């Protein structure tokens, strides 16, 4: 099981990757709040997805977030490091993403 600090760092690493991708691939028309709930650590983080970037990462849940990623700590780390395929992880219920269908389609471009 990963620690809260490792999960926080994984989200910051993901934010850096998305920022680099946004510069080369152009901006994605998506501006939504995001909650990342880590089930085995009983903790959460929240942030904002805007222009293909993940910004304003902070501790704590956002119950009103438009997009919610729910995962165990090890799965979150593997997902952000590219060792876990998001489509397979959702299909096998390792992770769960709650969002409206149109946002899910846009998110595929990021992941």
Protein backbone atom coordinates (compact mmCIF):
# COMPACT_ATOMS: atom_id res chain seq x y z
CA UNK A 1 0.00 0.00 0.00
CA UNK A 2 1.31 3.42 -0.98
CA UNK A 3 1.34 6.37 1.41
CA UNK A 4 -0.66 9.58 1.23
CA UNK A 5 2.53 11.46 0.29
CA UNK A 6 3.24 9.03 -2.56
CA UNK A 7 -0.31 9.50 -3.88
CA UNK A 8 0.01 13.28 -3.63
CA UNK A 9 3.33 13.14 -5.50
CA UNK A 10 1.79 10.87 -8.17
CA UNK A 11 -0.89 13.49 -8.83
CA UNK A 12 1.74 16.22 -9.10
CA UNK A 13 3.72 14.03 -11.52
CA UNK A 14 0.55 13.50 -13.56
CA UNK A 15 -0.02 17.25 -13.59
CA UNK A 16 3.48 17.77 -15.00
CA UNK A 17 2.88 15.18 -17.74
CA UNK A 18 -0.44 16.74 -18.68
CA UNK A 19 1.14 20.19 -18.82
CA UNK A 20 3.83 18.91 -21.18
CA UNK A 21 1.21 17.19 -23.35
CA UNK A 22 -0.95 20.32 -23.44
CA UNK A 23 1.95 22.29 -24.90
CA UNK A 24 2.58 19.80 -27.70
CA UNK A 25 -0.96 18.60 -28.45
CA UNK A 26 -2.90 21.80 -27.91
CA UNK A 27 -5.48 22.65 -25.33
CA UNK A 28 -8.40 20.38 -24.53
CA UNK A 29 -11.76 22.10 -24.10
CA UNK A 30 -12.50 20.77 -20.63
CA UNK A 31 -12.85 22.81 -17.46
CA UNK A 32 -14.05 20.64 -14.57
CA UNK A 33 -13.44 20.05 -10.90
CA UNK A 34 -11.87 16.70 -10.06
CA UNK A 35 -11.92 14.63 -6.89
CA UNK A 36 -9.51 11.75 -6.42
CA UNK A 37 -10.64 9.41 -3.67
CA UNK A 38 -8.10 6.89 -2.39
CA UNK A 39 -10.13 4.09 -0.86
CA UNK A 40 -7.53 2.12 1.11
CA UNK A 41 -6.06 5.24 2.73
CA UNK A 42 -9.45 6.84 3.36
CA UNK A 43 -8.19 10.12 1.97
CA UNK A 44 -8.93 12.32 -0.99
CA UNK A 45 -7.50 15.09 -3.12
CA UNK A 46 -9.16 17.64 -5.32
CA UNK A 47 -8.02 19.69 -8.27
CA UNK A 48 -9.21 21.34 -11.44
CA UNK A 49 -8.84 20.11 -15.02
CA UNK A 50 -8.56 23.08 -17.32
CA UNK A 51 -7.10 23.41 -20.80
CA UNK A 52 -5.65 19.90 -20.66
CA UNK A 53 -3.85 20.66 -17.42
CA UNK A 54 -4.35 19.49 -13.84
CA UNK A 55 -4.03 22.52 -11.54
CA UNK A 56 -4.68 23.55 -7.95
CA UNK A 57 -4.08 20.09 -6.43
CA UNK A 58 -5.00 20.11 -2.76
CA UNK A 59 -5.79 17.69 0.04
CA UNK A 60 -9.40 16.93 0.87
CA UNK A 61 -12.48 15.79 -0.99
CA UNK A 62 -14.75 17.89 -3.15
CA UNK A 63 -18.19 16.29 -2.97
CA UNK A 64 -19.42 18.62 -5.74
CA UNK A 65 -16.65 17.66 -8.18
CA UNK A 66 -17.86 17.03 -11.72
CA UNK A 67 -15.36 14.19 -12.17
CA UNK A 68 -14.47 11.64 -9.48
CA UNK A 69 -11.63 9.12 -9.72
CA UNK A 70 -11.90 6.36 -7.13
CA UNK A 71 -8.98 3.97 -6.70
CA UNK A 72 -6.77 2.17 -4.23
CA UNK A 73 -3.41 3.83 -3.58
CA UNK A 74 -1.32 1.28 -5.50
CA UNK A 75 -3.68 1.46 -8.48
CA UNK A 76 -3.52 5.26 -8.47
CA UNK A 77 0.28 5.16 -8.51
CA UNK A 78 0.33 2.56 -11.31
CA UNK A 79 -2.20 4.57 -13.32
CA UNK A 80 -0.27 7.83 -13.07
CA UNK A 81 3.01 6.09 -13.93
CA UNK A 82 1.50 4.45 -17.02
CA UNK A 83 1.84 0.91 -15.67
CA UNK A 84 -1.95 0.45 -15.50
CA UNK A 85 -4.11 0.86 -18.60
CA UNK A 86 -7.10 3.03 -17.72
CA UNK A 87 -9.53 1.16 -19.98
CA UNK A 88 -8.61 -2.21 -18.52
CA UNK A 89 -8.63 -0.84 -14.99
CA UNK A 90 -12.16 0.50 -15.44
CA UNK A 91 -13.35 -2.72 -17.09
CA UNK A 92 -11.91 -4.84 -14.25
CA UNK A 93 -13.25 -2.37 -11.66
CA UNK A 94 -9.82 -1.64 -10.23
CA UNK A 95 -10.67 2.03 -10.60
CA UNK A 96 -13.88 3.92 -11.07
CA UNK A 97 -14.42 7.23 -12.85
CA UNK A 98 -17.69 9.04 -12.28
CA UNK A 99 -18.40 11.71 -14.87
CA UNK A 100 -20.93 12.53 -17.51
CA UNK A 101 -20.45 10.61 -20.79
CA UNK A 102 -19.28 13.65 -22.75
CA UNK A 103 -16.58 14.40 -20.17
CA UNK A 104 -15.44 10.76 -20.30
CA UNK A 105 -14.95 11.06 -24.05
CA UNK A 106 -12.83 14.17 -23.56
CA UNK A 107 -10.86 12.52 -20.74
CA UNK A 108 -9.82 9.71 -23.08
CA UNK A 109 -7.73 12.24 -24.97
CA UNK A 110 -5.83 13.08 -21.79
CA UNK A 111 -5.22 9.50 -20.69
